[in-house]
Amino acid sequence: MEKKTEIIRYLHDYYMGDQPILYREKAVRPEINNKTVENHALEIVRFKAGQTYDKIL
């Protein structure tokens, strides 16, 4: 049960934009540290919900 809870929490955080790339440490040239997060998970869920319920959320 504990494993499922961890997976659910990870997926929820990912959906909300808290993605693993934000916590990665760069080994080569750490002074250049550009991190971009495009939340495709949220976009996909909203698109599917709009398709299903015939209205954009």
PDB file of N, CA and C in Angstrom:
ATOM      1  N   MET A   1       0.818  -1.188   0.000  1.00  0.00           N
ATOM      2  CA  MET A   1       0.000   0.000   0.000  1.00  0.00           C
ATOM      3  C   MET A   1       0.869   1.263   0.000  1.00  0.00           C
ATOM      4  N   GLU A   2       1.985   1.206   0.704  1.00  0.00           N
ATOM      5  CA  GLU A   2       2.871   2.358   0.788  1.00  0.00           C
ATOM      6  C   GLU A   2       3.444   2.726  -0.580  1.00  0.00           C
ATOM      7  N   LYS A   3       3.764   1.732  -1.391  1.00  0.00           N
ATOM      8  CA  LYS A   3       4.308   1.954  -2.724  1.00  0.00           C
ATOM      9  C   LYS A   3       3.294   2.677  -3.610  1.00  0.00           C
ATOM     10  N   LYS A   4       2.022   2.272  -3.518  1.00  0.00           N
ATOM     11  CA  LYS A   4       0.983   2.911  -4.315  1.00  0.00           C
ATOM     12  C   LYS A   4       0.809   4.366  -3.909  1.00  0.00           C
ATOM     13  N   THR A   5       0.908   4.643  -2.624  1.00  0.00           N
ATOM     14  CA  THR A   5       0.789   6.007  -2.133  1.00  0.00           C
ATOM     15  C   THR A   5       1.905   6.875  -2.699  1.00  0.00           C
ATOM     16  N   GLU A   6       3.126   6.343  -2.739  1.00  0.00           N
ATOM     17  CA  GLU A   6       4.255   7.075  -3.300  1.00  0.00           C
ATOM     18  C   GLU A   6       4.034   7.371  -4.777  1.00  0.00           C
ATOM     19  N   ILE A   7       3.530   6.397  -5.516  1.00  0.00           N
ATOM     20  CA  ILE A   7       3.287   6.569  -6.946  1.00  0.00           C
ATOM     21  C   ILE A   7       2.207   7.620  -7.175  1.00  0.00           C
ATOM     22  N   ILE A   8       1.139   7.549  -6.408  1.00  0.00           N
ATOM     23  CA  ILE A   8       0.055   8.523  -6.550  1.00  0.00           C
ATOM     24  C   ILE A   8       0.555   9.929  -6.233  1.00  0.00           C
ATOM     25  N   ARG A   9       1.340  10.069  -5.169  1.00  0.00           N
ATOM     26  CA  ARG A   9       1.887  11.382  -4.807  1.00  0.00           C
ATOM     27  C   ARG A   9       2.800  11.909  -5.909  1.00  0.00           C
ATOM     28  N   TYR A  10       3.656  11.036  -6.462  1.00  0.00           N
ATOM     29  CA  TYR A  10       4.564  11.437  -7.543  1.00  0.00           C
ATOM     30  C   TYR A  10       3.764  11.930  -8.754  1.00  0.00           C
ATOM     31  N   LEU A  11       2.746  11.170  -9.145  1.00  0.00           N
ATOM     32  CA  LEU A  11       1.952  11.551 -10.309  1.00  0.00           C
ATOM     33  C   LEU A  11       1.180  12.850 -10.067  1.00  0.00           C
ATOM     34  N   HIS A  12       0.668  13.038  -8.875  1.00  0.00           N
ATOM     35  CA  HIS A  12      -0.047  14.281  -8.559  1.00  0.00           C
ATOM     36  C   HIS A  12       0.908  15.468  -8.590  1.00  0.00           C
ATOM     37  N   ASP A  13       2.079  15.320  -7.991  1.00  0.00           N
ATOM     38  CA  ASP A  13       3.065  16.401  -8.005  1.00  0.00           C
ATOM     39  C   ASP A  13       3.502  16.715  -9.435  1.00  0.00           C
ATOM     40  N   TYR A  14       3.699  15.675 -10.240  1.00  0.00           N
ATOM     41  CA  TYR A  14       4.093  15.854 -11.638  1.00  0.00           C
ATOM     42  C   TYR A  14       3.004  16.623 -12.392  1.00  0.00           C
ATOM     43  N   TYR A  15       1.765  16.250 -12.166  1.00  0.00           N
ATOM     44  CA  TYR A  15       0.611  16.905 -12.782  1.00  0.00           C
ATOM     45  C   TYR A  15       0.536  18.376 -12.391  1.00  0.00           C
ATOM     46  N   MET A  16       0.901  18.687 -11.144  1.00  0.00           N
ATOM     47  CA  MET A  16       0.838  20.058 -10.653  1.00  0.00           C
ATOM     48  C   MET A  16       2.073  20.880 -11.039  1.00  0.00           C
ATOM     49  N   GLY A  17       3.054  20.267 -11.710  1.00  0.00           N
ATOM     50  CA  GLY A  17       4.221  21.003 -12.197  1.00  0.00           C
ATOM     51  C   GLY A  17       5.483  20.826 -11.386  1.00  0.00           C
ATOM     52  N   ASP A  18       5.438  20.044 -10.343  1.00  0.00           N
ATOM     53  CA  ASP A  18       6.618  19.770  -9.519  1.00  0.00           C
ATOM     54  C   ASP A  18       7.336  18.572 -10.121  1.00  0.00           C
ATOM     55  N   GLN A  19       8.183  18.831 -11.113  1.00  0.00           N
ATOM     56  CA  GLN A  19       8.787  17.758 -11.898  1.00  0.00           C
ATOM     57  C   GLN A  19      10.245  17.557 -11.530  1.00  0.00           C
ATOM     58  N   PRO A  20      10.769  16.341 -11.740  1.00  0.00           N
ATOM     59  CA  PRO A  20      12.117  15.980 -11.294  1.00  0.00           C
ATOM     60  C   PRO A  20      13.236  16.860 -11.849  1.00  0.00           C
ATOM     61  N   ILE A  21      13.059  17.465 -13.012  1.00  0.00           N
ATOM     62  CA  ILE A  21      14.132  18.279 -13.591  1.00  0.00           C
ATOM     63  C   ILE A  21      14.467  19.467 -12.697  1.00  0.00           C
ATOM     64  N   LEU A  22      13.537  19.898 -11.878  1.00  0.00           N
ATOM     65  CA  LEU A  22      13.782  21.033 -10.990  1.00  0.00           C
ATOM     66  C   LEU A  22      14.807  20.715  -9.911  1.00  0.00           C
ATOM     67  N   TYR A  23      15.038  19.438  -9.644  1.00  0.00           N
ATOM     68  CA  TYR A  23      15.924  19.032  -8.558  1.00  0.00           C
ATOM     69  C   TYR A  23      17.218  18.387  -9.040  1.00  0.00           C
ATOM     70  N   ARG A  24      17.433  18.331 -10.332  1.00  0.00           N
ATOM     71  CA  ARG A  24      18.657  17.713 -10.850  1.00  0.00           C
ATOM     72  C   ARG A  24      19.858  18.622 -10.620  1.00  0.00           C
ATOM     73  N   GLU A  25      20.970  18.008 -10.260  1.00  0.00           N
ATOM     74  CA  GLU A  25      22.228  18.722 -10.092  1.00  0.00           C
ATOM     75  C   GLU A  25      23.059  18.545 -11.352  1.00  0.00           C
ATOM     76  N   LYS A  26      23.578  19.622 -11.849  1.00  0.00           N
ATOM     77  CA  LYS A  26      24.354  19.590 -13.084  1.00  0.00           C
ATOM     78  C   LYS A  26      25.829  19.404 -12.751  1.00  0.00           C
ATOM     79  N   ALA A  27      26.467  18.420 -13.383  1.00  0.00           N
ATOM     80  CA  ALA A  27      27.868  18.107 -13.103  1.00  0.00           C
ATOM     81  C   ALA A  27      28.823  18.949 -13.948  1.00  0.00           C
ATOM     82  N   VAL A  28      28.480  19.176 -15.212  1.00  0.00           N
ATOM     83  CA  VAL A  28      29.353  19.915 -16.119  1.00  0.00           C
ATOM     84  C   VAL A  28      28.835  21.344 -16.247  1.00  0.00           C
ATOM     85  N   ARG A  29      29.698  22.307 -16.019  1.00  0.00           N
ATOM     86  CA  ARG A  29      29.384  23.738 -16.099  1.00  0.00           C
ATOM     87  C   ARG A  29      28.143  24.108 -15.277  1.00  0.00           C
ATOM     88  N   PRO A  30      28.218  23.951 -13.971  1.00  0.00           N
ATOM     89  CA  PRO A  30      27.057  24.229 -13.121  1.00  0.00           C
ATOM     90  C   PRO A  30      26.615  25.691 -13.123  1.00  0.00           C
ATOM     91  N   GLU A  31      27.473  26.596 -13.602  1.00  0.00           N
ATOM     92  CA  GLU A  31      27.080  28.008 -13.643  1.00  0.00           C
ATOM     93  C   GLU A  31      25.982  28.270 -14.675  1.00  0.00           C
ATOM     94  N   ILE A  32      25.880  27.386 -15.675  1.00  0.00           N
ATOM     95  CA  ILE A  32      24.790  27.469 -16.645  1.00  0.00           C
ATOM     96  C   ILE A  32      23.722  26.493 -16.180  1.00  0.00           C
ATOM     97  N   ASN A  33      22.645  27.032 -15.661  1.00  0.00           N
ATOM     98  CA  ASN A  33      21.641  26.180 -15.042  1.00  0.00           C
ATOM     99  C   ASN A  33      20.238  26.628 -15.467  1.00  0.00           C
ATOM    100  N   ASN A  34      19.917  26.421 -16.727  1.00  0.00           N
ATOM    101  CA  ASN A  34      18.603  26.788 -17.251  1.00  0.00           C
ATOM    102  C   ASN A  34      17.675  25.585 -17.130  1.00  0.00           C
ATOM    103  N   LYS A  35      16.569  25.780 -16.448  1.00  0.00           N
ATOM    104  CA  LYS A  35      15.596  24.702 -16.276  1.00  0.00           C
ATOM    105  C   LYS A  35      14.247  25.195 -16.772  1.00  0.00           C
ATOM    106  N   THR A  36      13.668  24.447 -17.682  1.00  0.00           N
ATOM    107  CA  THR A  36      12.363  24.792 -18.222  1.00  0.00           C
ATOM    108  C   THR A  36      11.424  23.618 -18.005  1.00  0.00           C
ATOM    109  N   VAL A  37      10.247  23.925 -17.484  1.00  0.00           N
ATOM    110  CA  VAL A  37       9.249  22.891 -17.262  1.00  0.00           C
ATOM    111  C   VAL A  37       8.011  23.266 -18.066  1.00  0.00           C
ATOM    112  N   GLU A  38       7.642  22.416 -18.994  1.00  0.00           N
ATOM    113  CA  GLU A  38       6.394  22.586 -19.723  1.00  0.00           C
ATOM    114  C   GLU A  38       5.459  21.491 -19.231  1.00  0.00           C
ATOM    115  N   ASN A  39       4.373  21.904 -18.652  1.00  0.00           N
ATOM    116  CA  ASN A  39       3.491  20.963 -17.987  1.00  0.00           C
ATOM    117  C   ASN A  39       2.525  20.322 -18.992  1.00  0.00           C
ATOM    118  N   HIS A  40       3.018  19.357 -19.749  1.00  0.00           N
ATOM    119  CA  HIS A  40       2.191  18.659 -20.729  1.00  0.00           C
ATOM    120  C   HIS A  40       1.168  17.749 -20.046  1.00  0.00           C
ATOM    121  N   ALA A  41       1.465  17.276 -18.856  1.00  0.00           N
ATOM    122  CA  ALA A  41       0.523  16.410 -18.143  1.00  0.00           C
ATOM    123  C   ALA A  41      -0.771  17.173 -17.857  1.00  0.00           C
ATOM    124  N   LEU A  42      -0.662  18.384 -17.365  1.00  0.00           N
ATOM    125  CA  LEU A  42      -1.844  19.203 -17.084  1.00  0.00           C
ATOM    126  C   LEU A  42      -2.588  19.529 -18.374  1.00  0.00           C
ATOM    127  N   GLU A  43      -1.837  19.842 -19.419  1.00  0.00           N
ATOM    128  CA  GLU A  43      -2.446  20.157 -20.718  1.00  0.00           C
ATOM    129  C   GLU A  43      -3.239  18.960 -21.265  1.00  0.00           C
ATOM    130  N   ILE A  44      -2.671  17.773 -21.166  1.00  0.00           N
ATOM    131  CA  ILE A  44      -3.337  16.571 -21.678  1.00  0.00           C
ATOM    132  C   ILE A  44      -4.609  16.277 -20.889  1.00  0.00           C
ATOM    133  N   VAL A  45      -4.539  16.401 -19.558  1.00  0.00           N
ATOM    134  CA  VAL A  45      -5.714  16.126 -18.726  1.00  0.00           C
ATOM    135  C   VAL A  45      -6.824  17.122 -19.032  1.00  0.00           C
ATOM    136  N   ARG A  46      -6.475  18.389 -19.141  1.00  0.00           N
ATOM    137  CA  ARG A  46      -7.499  19.403 -19.449  1.00  0.00           C
ATOM    138  C   ARG A  46      -8.100  19.196 -20.834  1.00  0.00           C
ATOM    139  N   PHE A  47      -7.280  18.822 -21.798  1.00  0.00           N
ATOM    140  CA  PHE A  47      -7.782  18.567 -23.150  1.00  0.00           C
ATOM    141  C   PHE A  47      -8.758  17.395 -23.139  1.00  0.00           C
ATOM    142  N   LYS A  48      -8.364  16.307 -22.478  1.00  0.00           N
ATOM    143  CA  LYS A  48      -9.216  15.119 -22.423  1.00  0.00           C
ATOM    144  C   LYS A  48     -10.519  15.407 -21.679  1.00  0.00           C
ATOM    145  N   ALA A  49     -10.440  16.162 -20.603  1.00  0.00           N
ATOM    146  CA  ALA A  49     -11.650  16.520 -19.859  1.00  0.00           C
ATOM    147  C   ALA A  49     -12.554  17.383 -20.729  1.00  0.00           C
ATOM    148  N   GLY A  50     -11.976  18.296 -21.492  1.00  0.00           N
ATOM    149  CA  GLY A  50     -12.767  19.129 -22.391  1.00  0.00           C
ATOM    150  C   GLY A  50     -13.425  18.297 -23.490  1.00  0.00           C
ATOM    151  N   GLN A  51     -12.715  17.321 -24.002  1.00  0.00           N
ATOM    152  CA  GLN A  51     -13.261  16.424 -25.021  1.00  0.00           C
ATOM    153  C   GLN A  51     -14.403  15.587 -24.435  1.00  0.00           C
ATOM    154  N   THR A  52     -14.205  15.110 -23.228  1.00  0.00           N
ATOM    155  CA  THR A  52     -15.186  14.230 -22.596  1.00  0.00           C
ATOM    156  C   THR A  52     -16.442  14.986 -22.191  1.00  0.00           C
ATOM    157  N   TYR A  53     -16.251  16.160 -21.587  1.00  0.00           N
ATOM    158  CA  TYR A  53     -17.398  16.889 -21.054  1.00  0.00           C
ATOM    159  C   TYR A  53     -17.845  18.047 -21.951  1.00  0.00           C
ATOM    160  N   ASP A  54     -17.241  18.167 -23.139  1.00  0.00           N
ATOM    161  CA  ASP A  54     -17.638  19.131 -24.161  1.00  0.00           C
ATOM    162  C   ASP A  54     -17.535  20.575 -23.676  1.00  0.00           C
ATOM    163  N   LYS A  55     -16.538  20.848 -22.854  1.00  0.00           N
ATOM    164  CA  LYS A  55     -16.288  22.229 -22.445  1.00  0.00           C
ATOM    165  C   LYS A  55     -14.873  22.309 -21.892  1.00  0.00           C
ATOM    166  N   ILE A  56     -14.220  23.420 -22.162  1.00  0.00           N
ATOM    167  CA  ILE A  56     -12.843  23.615 -21.716  1.00  0.00           C
ATOM    168  C   ILE A  56     -12.873  24.016 -20.253  1.00  0.00           C
ATOM    169  N   LEU A  57     -12.030  23.372 -19.455  1.00  0.00           N
ATOM    170  CA  LEU A  57     -11.989  23.673 -18.021  1.00  0.00           C
ATOM    171  C   LEU A  57     -11.024  24.798 -17.754  1.00  0.00           C
TER     172      LEU A  57
END
